[in-house]
Amino acid sequence: MEKGKTTFLKMAIIIIGFIVLILCIFFMPSLAKKTAEMFPEYSYLRYPVLIGLYATIPPFYIALYQAVKLLRRIEKNDAFSIKSVKGLRVIKSCAIMISLFYTLGAIFLMIQNAFHPGIALMILTIIFSSFVVAVFSMLLQTLLRNALEIKSENDLTV
């Protein structure tokens, strides 16, 4: 595989990670403060929502790190390995955790009667996207595991 394609994907992952970091450090706290000022009846939700959002950051960055490691293995022509299967399992687990965190957050907001349609759309988009990533990584993990079994059988017959 051409190194340029994997380099492009690694740069995209790094840029996504950097943008999320900037949003977490600068944008989310100020947005929470402005929202609490605009809607004082929901100001008590400011910190629980921020904690819930920040709780999804570690699994997100773990998944990004595993994706970069997988791209490095592809560059080294070592994609068909047990390490790649384990990396895909970690990505799947992180995506499921993100979906669960946002599902719990949606339930929390429903209980608090603070579930605005715009918020619901954003939460459902994130839940669906994370679930798609989990299913896709599970599919790739299964295919890679099957390819490894076939490769090991072929190595034994030769």
N, C-alpha and C. Protein backbone atom coordinates (compact mmCIF):
# COMPACT_ATOMS: atom_id res chain seq x y z
N MET A 1 0.85 -1.18 0.00
CA MET A 1 0.00 0.00 0.00
C MET A 1 0.89 1.24 0.00
N GLU A 2 0.44 2.24 -0.71
CA GLU A 2 1.22 3.46 -0.79
C GLU A 2 1.26 4.15 0.57
N LYS A 3 2.44 4.66 0.90
CA LYS A 3 2.62 5.32 2.19
C LYS A 3 1.83 6.63 2.26
N GLY A 4 1.60 7.27 1.12
CA GLY A 4 0.88 8.54 1.10
C GLY A 4 -0.54 8.43 1.60
N LYS A 5 -1.20 7.30 1.28
CA LYS A 5 -2.58 7.13 1.72
C LYS A 5 -2.67 6.96 3.24
N THR A 6 -1.76 6.18 3.80
CA THR A 6 -1.79 6.01 5.25
C THR A 6 -1.33 7.28 5.96
N THR A 7 -0.41 8.00 5.34
CA THR A 7 0.03 9.27 5.93
C THR A 7 -1.12 10.26 5.95
N PHE A 8 -1.90 10.29 4.88
CA PHE A 8 -3.07 11.18 4.84
C PHE A 8 -4.05 10.82 5.96
N LEU A 9 -4.31 9.52 6.14
CA LEU A 9 -5.23 9.10 7.19
C LEU A 9 -4.68 9.42 8.59
N LYS A 10 -3.38 9.22 8.78
CA LYS A 10 -2.79 9.55 10.08
C LYS A 10 -2.89 11.04 10.35
N MET A 11 -2.64 11.86 9.33
CA MET A 11 -2.76 13.31 9.52
C MET A 11 -4.20 13.71 9.83
N ALA A 12 -5.15 13.07 9.15
CA ALA A 12 -6.57 13.35 9.43
C ALA A 12 -6.91 13.00 10.87
N ILE A 13 -6.42 11.87 11.36
CA ILE A 13 -6.67 11.47 12.74
C ILE A 13 -6.05 12.46 13.71
N ILE A 14 -4.83 12.89 13.43
CA ILE A 14 -4.15 13.85 14.30
C ILE A 14 -4.90 15.19 14.30
N ILE A 15 -5.36 15.63 13.15
CA ILE A 15 -6.11 16.90 13.08
C ILE A 15 -7.42 16.78 13.85
N ILE A 16 -8.12 15.66 13.69
CA ILE A 16 -9.37 15.45 14.43
C ILE A 16 -9.10 15.48 15.93
N GLY A 17 -8.04 14.79 16.35
CA GLY A 17 -7.69 14.79 17.77
C GLY A 17 -7.35 16.17 18.29
N PHE A 18 -6.63 16.94 17.48
CA PHE A 18 -6.26 18.30 17.88
C PHE A 18 -7.50 19.20 17.98
N ILE A 19 -8.41 19.09 17.03
CA ILE A 19 -9.63 19.90 17.06
C ILE A 19 -10.46 19.57 18.29
N VAL A 20 -10.60 18.28 18.60
CA VAL A 20 -11.37 17.89 19.78
C VAL A 20 -10.70 18.40 21.05
N LEU A 21 -9.38 18.36 21.10
CA LEU A 21 -8.66 18.87 22.26
C LEU A 21 -8.91 20.37 22.44
N ILE A 22 -8.83 21.13 21.36
CA ILE A 22 -9.09 22.57 21.42
C ILE A 22 -10.53 22.84 21.87
N LEU A 23 -11.47 22.07 21.33
CA LEU A 23 -12.87 22.24 21.74
C LEU A 23 -13.05 21.93 23.22
N CYS A 24 -12.39 20.89 23.71
CA CYS A 24 -12.53 20.52 25.12
C CYS A 24 -11.92 21.56 26.05
N ILE A 25 -10.82 22.12 25.65
CA ILE A 25 -10.13 23.06 26.53
C ILE A 25 -10.78 24.44 26.51
N PHE A 26 -11.12 24.93 25.33
CA PHE A 26 -11.57 26.31 25.22
C PHE A 26 -13.08 26.46 24.99
N PHE A 27 -13.65 25.65 24.14
CA PHE A 27 -15.02 25.88 23.70
C PHE A 27 -16.06 25.35 24.68
N MET A 28 -15.90 24.12 25.15
CA MET A 28 -16.94 23.53 25.99
C MET A 28 -17.16 24.27 27.31
N PRO A 29 -16.11 24.66 28.05
CA PRO A 29 -16.38 25.40 29.29
C PRO A 29 -17.08 26.74 29.05
N SER A 30 -16.64 27.46 28.01
CA SER A 30 -17.29 28.76 27.76
C SER A 30 -18.72 28.56 27.25
N LEU A 31 -18.95 27.53 26.47
CA LEU A 31 -20.31 27.24 26.02
C LEU A 31 -21.21 26.88 27.20
N ALA A 32 -20.69 26.10 28.13
CA ALA A 32 -21.48 25.73 29.30
C ALA A 32 -21.81 26.96 30.14
N LYS A 33 -20.87 27.87 30.26
CA LYS A 33 -21.11 29.10 31.03
C LYS A 33 -22.16 29.96 30.35
N LYS A 34 -22.04 30.13 29.02
CA LYS A 34 -23.01 30.95 28.30
C LYS A 34 -24.40 30.32 28.32
N THR A 35 -24.46 29.01 28.22
CA THR A 35 -25.75 28.33 28.24
C THR A 35 -26.40 28.47 29.61
N ALA A 36 -25.59 28.37 30.67
CA ALA A 36 -26.13 28.54 32.02
C ALA A 36 -26.65 29.96 32.23
N GLU A 37 -26.01 30.94 31.59
CA GLU A 37 -26.47 32.33 31.71
C GLU A 37 -27.75 32.55 30.89
N MET A 38 -27.82 31.90 29.71
CA MET A 38 -28.99 32.09 28.85
C MET A 38 -30.21 31.35 29.39
N PHE A 39 -29.98 30.19 29.99
CA PHE A 39 -31.07 29.37 30.52
C PHE A 39 -30.81 29.08 31.99
N PRO A 40 -31.09 30.06 32.86
CA PRO A 40 -30.76 29.87 34.28
C PRO A 40 -31.55 28.73 34.93
N GLU A 41 -32.68 28.35 34.34
CA GLU A 41 -33.46 27.24 34.93
C GLU A 41 -32.75 25.90 34.76
N TYR A 42 -31.78 25.84 33.84
CA TYR A 42 -31.01 24.60 33.63
C TYR A 42 -29.54 24.75 34.07
N SER A 43 -29.24 25.78 34.83
CA SER A 43 -27.85 26.01 35.22
C SER A 43 -27.31 24.90 36.13
N TYR A 44 -28.19 24.21 36.83
CA TYR A 44 -27.74 23.12 37.70
C TYR A 44 -27.20 21.94 36.88
N LEU A 45 -27.46 21.90 35.58
CA LEU A 45 -26.98 20.82 34.72
C LEU A 45 -25.61 21.10 34.12
N ARG A 46 -25.10 22.29 34.38
CA ARG A 46 -23.84 22.70 33.74
C ARG A 46 -22.71 21.71 34.01
N TYR A 47 -22.44 21.41 35.26
CA TYR A 47 -21.31 20.54 35.59
C TYR A 47 -21.58 19.06 35.32
N PRO A 48 -22.78 18.55 35.58
CA PRO A 48 -23.01 17.15 35.20
C PRO A 48 -22.85 16.89 33.70
N VAL A 49 -23.30 17.83 32.88
CA VAL A 49 -23.17 17.67 31.43
C VAL A 49 -21.70 17.75 31.02
N LEU A 50 -20.96 18.70 31.59
CA LEU A 50 -19.53 18.79 31.28
C LEU A 50 -18.78 17.53 31.71
N ILE A 51 -19.09 17.01 32.87
CA ILE A 51 -18.44 15.78 33.33
C ILE A 51 -18.77 14.63 32.39
N GLY A 52 -20.02 14.56 31.96
CA GLY A 52 -20.41 13.50 31.02
C GLY A 52 -19.70 13.62 29.69
N LEU A 53 -19.57 14.84 29.20
CA LEU A 53 -18.85 15.05 27.94
C LEU A 53 -17.37 14.72 28.08
N TYR A 54 -16.77 15.16 29.17
CA TYR A 54 -15.35 14.89 29.38
C TYR A 54 -15.09 13.41 29.64
N ALA A 55 -16.07 12.68 30.13
CA ALA A 55 -15.89 11.23 30.37
C ALA A 55 -15.72 10.46 29.06
N THR A 56 -16.21 11.02 27.97
CA THR A 56 -16.08 10.32 26.68
C THR A 56 -14.75 10.62 25.98
N ILE A 57 -13.98 11.54 26.50
CA ILE A 57 -12.73 11.92 25.85
C ILE A 57 -11.67 10.81 25.91
N PRO A 58 -11.43 10.16 27.07
CA PRO A 58 -10.40 9.09 27.08
C PRO A 58 -10.68 7.95 26.09
N PRO A 59 -11.91 7.40 26.02
CA PRO A 59 -12.10 6.35 25.02
C PRO A 59 -11.93 6.85 23.59
N PHE A 60 -12.28 8.11 23.35
CA PHE A 60 -12.11 8.68 22.01
C PHE A 60 -10.63 8.71 21.63
N TYR A 61 -9.78 9.20 22.54
CA TYR A 61 -8.36 9.29 22.24
C TYR A 61 -7.69 7.92 22.20
N ILE A 62 -8.15 6.99 23.00
CA ILE A 62 -7.63 5.63 22.93
C ILE A 62 -7.93 5.03 21.56
N ALA A 63 -9.14 5.23 21.07
CA ALA A 63 -9.51 4.71 19.75
C ALA A 63 -8.68 5.38 18.65
N LEU A 64 -8.46 6.69 18.76
CA LEU A 64 -7.61 7.37 17.78
C LEU A 64 -6.19 6.83 17.80
N TYR A 65 -5.66 6.60 18.98
CA TYR A 65 -4.31 6.06 19.10
C TYR A 65 -4.22 4.66 18.47
N GLN A 66 -5.23 3.84 18.72
CA GLN A 66 -5.24 2.50 18.13
C GLN A 66 -5.36 2.56 16.61
N ALA A 67 -6.09 3.53 16.10
CA ALA A 67 -6.21 3.69 14.65
C ALA A 67 -4.87 4.08 14.04
N VAL A 68 -4.13 4.97 14.71
CA VAL A 68 -2.80 5.35 14.21
C VAL A 68 -1.86 4.15 14.25
N LYS A 69 -1.92 3.37 15.33
CA LYS A 69 -1.08 2.16 15.40
C LYS A 69 -1.43 1.18 14.29
N LEU A 70 -2.71 1.04 13.99
CA LEU A 70 -3.13 0.15 12.91
C LEU A 70 -2.60 0.65 11.56
N LEU A 71 -2.63 1.94 11.35
CA LEU A 71 -2.09 2.50 10.11
C LEU A 71 -0.58 2.29 10.01
N ARG A 72 0.12 2.37 11.13
CA ARG A 72 1.56 2.09 11.11
C ARG A 72 1.82 0.63 10.72
N ARG A 73 1.00 -0.28 11.24
CA ARG A 73 1.16 -1.69 10.88
C ARG A 73 0.89 -1.91 9.40
N ILE A 74 -0.08 -1.19 8.87
CA ILE A 74 -0.38 -1.30 7.44
C ILE A 74 0.81 -0.81 6.62
N GLU A 75 1.43 0.28 7.06
CA GLU A 75 2.62 0.79 6.36
C GLU A 75 3.77 -0.21 6.36
N LYS A 76 3.88 -0.96 7.46
CA LYS A 76 4.97 -1.94 7.58
C LYS A 76 4.60 -3.30 7.00
N ASN A 77 3.45 -3.39 6.32
CA ASN A 77 2.93 -4.65 5.76
C ASN A 77 2.76 -5.71 6.85
N ASP A 78 2.34 -5.28 8.02
CA ASP A 78 2.11 -6.18 9.15
C ASP A 78 0.65 -6.08 9.61
N ALA A 79 -0.25 -5.80 8.67
CA ALA A 79 -1.66 -5.60 9.03
C ALA A 79 -2.31 -6.90 9.48
N PHE A 80 -1.87 -8.02 8.91
CA PHE A 80 -2.46 -9.31 9.25
C PHE A 80 -1.71 -9.91 10.43
N SER A 81 -2.01 -9.37 11.61
CA SER A 81 -1.37 -9.85 12.82
C SER A 81 -2.37 -9.84 13.97
N ILE A 82 -2.00 -10.53 15.03
CA ILE A 82 -2.83 -10.57 16.23
C ILE A 82 -2.93 -9.17 16.85
N LYS A 83 -1.87 -8.39 16.76
CA LYS A 83 -1.89 -7.03 17.31
C LYS A 83 -2.95 -6.18 16.62
N SER A 84 -3.14 -6.38 15.33
CA SER A 84 -4.17 -5.63 14.61
C SER A 84 -5.57 -6.04 15.07
N VAL A 85 -5.76 -7.33 15.31
CA VAL A 85 -7.05 -7.81 15.81
C VAL A 85 -7.33 -7.22 17.19
N LYS A 86 -6.30 -7.19 18.04
CA LYS A 86 -6.47 -6.61 19.38
C LYS A 86 -6.75 -5.11 19.30
N GLY A 87 -6.08 -4.42 18.38
CA GLY A 87 -6.33 -2.99 18.20
C GLY A 87 -7.76 -2.72 17.76
N LEU A 88 -8.25 -3.54 16.85
CA LEU A 88 -9.65 -3.37 16.41
C LEU A 88 -10.62 -3.67 17.54
N ARG A 89 -10.28 -4.63 18.40
CA ARG A 89 -11.14 -4.93 19.55
C ARG A 89 -11.18 -3.74 20.50
N VAL A 90 -10.03 -3.07 20.70
CA VAL A 90 -9.99 -1.89 21.57
C VAL A 90 -10.82 -0.76 20.96
N ILE A 91 -10.71 -0.57 19.65
CA ILE A 91 -11.50 0.48 18.98
C ILE A 91 -12.99 0.18 19.14
N LYS A 92 -13.37 -1.08 18.97
CA LYS A 92 -14.77 -1.47 19.13
C LYS A 92 -15.25 -1.19 20.56
N SER A 93 -14.43 -1.56 21.54
CA SER A 93 -14.81 -1.34 22.94
C SER A 93 -14.95 0.16 23.25
N CYS A 94 -14.04 0.95 22.74
CA CYS A 94 -14.12 2.40 22.96
C CYS A 94 -15.37 3.00 22.32
N ALA A 95 -15.69 2.56 21.12
CA ALA A 95 -16.89 3.07 20.44
C ALA A 95 -18.15 2.68 21.20
N ILE A 96 -18.17 1.47 21.73
CA ILE A 96 -19.33 1.03 22.52
C ILE A 96 -19.43 1.85 23.81
N MET A 97 -18.28 2.13 24.44
CA MET A 97 -18.30 2.95 25.66
C MET A 97 -18.82 4.35 25.39
N ILE A 98 -18.41 4.93 24.28
CA ILE A 98 -18.89 6.27 23.93
C ILE A 98 -20.39 6.24 23.70
N SER A 99 -20.88 5.24 22.99
CA SER A 99 -22.33 5.11 22.78
C SER A 99 -23.07 4.97 24.10
N LEU A 100 -22.52 4.16 25.00
CA LEU A 100 -23.17 3.97 26.31
C LEU A 100 -23.18 5.26 27.13
N PHE A 101 -22.04 5.98 27.13
CA PHE A 101 -21.99 7.24 27.88
C PHE A 101 -23.05 8.23 27.37
N TYR A 102 -23.15 8.35 26.05
CA TYR A 102 -24.13 9.29 25.51
C TYR A 102 -25.56 8.81 25.71
N THR A 103 -25.77 7.50 25.69
CA THR A 103 -27.11 6.97 25.98
C THR A 103 -27.50 7.28 27.43
N LEU A 104 -26.56 7.05 28.35
CA LEU A 104 -26.83 7.39 29.75
C LEU A 104 -27.05 8.89 29.93
N GLY A 105 -26.29 9.69 29.21
CA GLY A 105 -26.48 11.14 29.27
C GLY A 105 -27.85 11.55 28.75
N ALA A 106 -28.30 10.91 27.68
CA ALA A 106 -29.64 11.21 27.15
C ALA A 106 -30.71 10.84 28.15
N ILE A 107 -30.55 9.69 28.79
CA ILE A 107 -31.52 9.27 29.82
C ILE A 107 -31.53 10.26 30.98
N PHE A 108 -30.33 10.68 31.39
CA PHE A 108 -30.22 11.67 32.47
C PHE A 108 -30.94 12.97 32.11
N LEU A 109 -30.73 13.44 30.88
CA LEU A 109 -31.38 14.68 30.46
C LEU A 109 -32.90 14.51 30.35
N MET A 110 -33.34 13.33 29.94
CA MET A 110 -34.79 13.08 29.89
C MET A 110 -35.40 13.11 31.29
N ILE A 111 -34.69 12.52 32.24
CA ILE A 111 -35.18 12.52 33.62
C ILE A 111 -35.26 13.95 34.16
N GLN A 112 -34.33 14.80 33.75
CA GLN A 112 -34.29 16.18 34.21
C GLN A 112 -35.20 17.11 33.41
N ASN A 113 -35.92 16.57 32.43
CA ASN A 113 -36.77 17.35 31.53
C ASN A 113 -35.99 18.44 30.80
N ALA A 114 -34.77 18.11 30.38
CA ALA A 114 -33.92 19.07 29.68
C ALA A 114 -33.50 18.52 28.33
N PHE A 115 -34.34 17.71 27.73
CA PHE A 115 -34.00 17.04 26.48
C PHE A 115 -34.59 17.80 25.32
N HIS A 116 -33.87 18.83 24.87
CA HIS A 116 -34.27 19.67 23.76
C HIS A 116 -34.10 18.90 22.44
N PRO A 117 -34.94 19.14 21.43
CA PRO A 117 -34.79 18.41 20.16
C PRO A 117 -33.43 18.57 19.49
N GLY A 118 -32.82 19.75 19.61
CA GLY A 118 -31.49 19.95 19.04
C GLY A 118 -30.44 19.12 19.76
N ILE A 119 -30.56 19.06 21.07
CA ILE A 119 -29.65 18.23 21.86
C ILE A 119 -29.88 16.77 21.53
N ALA A 120 -31.14 16.40 21.39
CA ALA A 120 -31.46 15.01 21.06
C ALA A 120 -30.86 14.61 19.73
N LEU A 121 -30.92 15.49 18.75
CA LEU A 121 -30.35 15.20 17.43
C LEU A 121 -28.84 15.02 17.51
N MET A 122 -28.17 15.88 18.27
CA MET A 122 -26.71 15.75 18.41
C MET A 122 -26.35 14.46 19.13
N ILE A 123 -27.06 14.15 20.20
CA ILE A 123 -26.77 12.93 20.97
C ILE A 123 -27.03 11.70 20.11
N LEU A 124 -28.14 11.67 19.40
CA LEU A 124 -28.44 10.52 18.55
C LEU A 124 -27.43 10.36 17.42
N THR A 125 -26.94 11.48 16.89
CA THR A 125 -25.91 11.42 15.85
C THR A 125 -24.63 10.80 16.39
N ILE A 126 -24.23 11.20 17.58
CA ILE A 126 -23.00 10.67 18.18
C ILE A 126 -23.19 9.19 18.53
N ILE A 127 -24.34 8.84 19.10
CA ILE A 127 -24.61 7.44 19.43
C ILE A 127 -24.58 6.58 18.17
N PHE A 128 -25.24 7.03 17.13
CA PHE A 128 -25.29 6.26 15.88
C PHE A 128 -23.91 6.15 15.25
N SER A 129 -23.16 7.24 15.22
CA SER A 129 -21.81 7.22 14.64
C SER A 129 -20.90 6.27 15.40
N SER A 130 -20.94 6.33 16.70
CA SER A 130 -20.11 5.45 17.51
C SER A 130 -20.51 3.99 17.32
N PHE A 131 -21.80 3.76 17.22
CA PHE A 131 -22.28 2.39 17.01
C PHE A 131 -21.83 1.87 15.64
N VAL A 132 -21.86 2.72 14.62
CA VAL A 132 -21.40 2.31 13.29
C VAL A 132 -19.91 1.97 13.34
N VAL A 133 -19.12 2.78 14.04
CA VAL A 133 -17.69 2.49 14.18
C VAL A 133 -17.49 1.16 14.90
N ALA A 134 -18.28 0.90 15.94
CA ALA A 134 -18.16 -0.36 16.68
C ALA A 134 -18.50 -1.56 15.78
N VAL A 135 -19.57 -1.45 15.02
CA VAL A 135 -19.96 -2.56 14.15
C VAL A 135 -18.93 -2.76 13.05
N PHE A 136 -18.44 -1.68 12.48
CA PHE A 136 -17.44 -1.78 11.41
C PHE A 136 -16.14 -2.39 11.92
N SER A 137 -15.69 -1.96 13.10
CA SER A 137 -14.46 -2.54 13.64
C SER A 137 -14.67 -4.00 14.03
N MET A 138 -15.87 -4.35 14.49
CA MET A 138 -16.16 -5.75 14.80
C MET A 138 -16.11 -6.59 13.52
N LEU A 139 -16.65 -6.06 12.44
CA LEU A 139 -16.62 -6.76 11.15
C LEU A 139 -15.18 -6.92 10.66
N LEU A 140 -14.39 -5.85 10.73
CA LEU A 140 -12.99 -5.94 10.32
C LEU A 140 -12.21 -6.90 11.21
N GLN A 141 -12.51 -6.89 12.49
CA GLN A 141 -11.84 -7.80 13.42
C GLN A 141 -12.13 -9.25 13.06
N THR A 142 -13.38 -9.56 12.74
CA THR A 142 -13.76 -10.91 12.34
C THR A 142 -13.08 -11.31 11.04
N LEU A 143 -13.10 -10.41 10.05
CA LEU A 143 -12.46 -10.70 8.78
C LEU A 143 -10.96 -10.91 8.94
N LEU A 144 -10.33 -10.08 9.75
CA LEU A 144 -8.89 -10.20 9.97
C LEU A 144 -8.56 -11.49 10.70
N ARG A 145 -9.38 -11.87 11.67
CA ARG A 145 -9.16 -13.12 12.39
C ARG A 145 -9.28 -14.31 11.44
N ASN A 146 -10.29 -14.28 10.56
CA ASN A 146 -10.46 -15.35 9.58
C ASN A 146 -9.28 -15.40 8.61
N ALA A 147 -8.80 -14.24 8.18
CA ALA A 147 -7.65 -14.20 7.28
C ALA A 147 -6.41 -14.74 7.97
N LEU A 148 -6.25 -14.46 9.25
CA LEU A 148 -5.11 -14.99 9.99
C LEU A 148 -5.18 -16.51 10.10
N GLU A 149 -6.38 -17.05 10.30
CA GLU A 149 -6.54 -18.50 10.37
C GLU A 149 -6.20 -19.14 9.02
N ILE A 150 -6.66 -18.55 7.94
CA ILE A 150 -6.36 -19.07 6.61
C ILE A 150 -4.86 -18.97 6.34
N LYS A 151 -4.26 -17.86 6.75
CA LYS A 151 -2.82 -17.68 6.54
C LYS A 151 -2.02 -18.72 7.31
N SER A 152 -2.42 -18.99 8.56
CA SER A 152 -1.69 -19.97 9.35
C SER A 152 -1.87 -21.38 8.78
N GLU A 153 -3.06 -21.70 8.26
CA GLU A 153 -3.29 -23.01 7.62
C GLU A 153 -2.43 -23.13 6.36
N ASN A 154 -2.34 -22.07 5.58
CA ASN A 154 -1.50 -22.10 4.38
C ASN A 154 -0.02 -22.24 4.73
N ASP A 155 0.41 -21.58 5.82
CA ASP A 155 1.80 -21.68 6.23
C ASP A 155 2.14 -23.11 6.67
N LEU A 156 1.16 -23.79 7.27
CA LEU A 156 1.38 -25.17 7.72
C LEU A 156 1.43 -26.16 6.56
N THR A 157 0.66 -25.88 5.49
CA THR A 157 0.65 -26.82 4.36
C THR A 157 1.87 -26.68 3.47
N VAL A 158 2.52 -25.55 3.49
CA VAL A 158 3.69 -25.34 2.64
C VAL A 158 4.89 -25.88 3.25
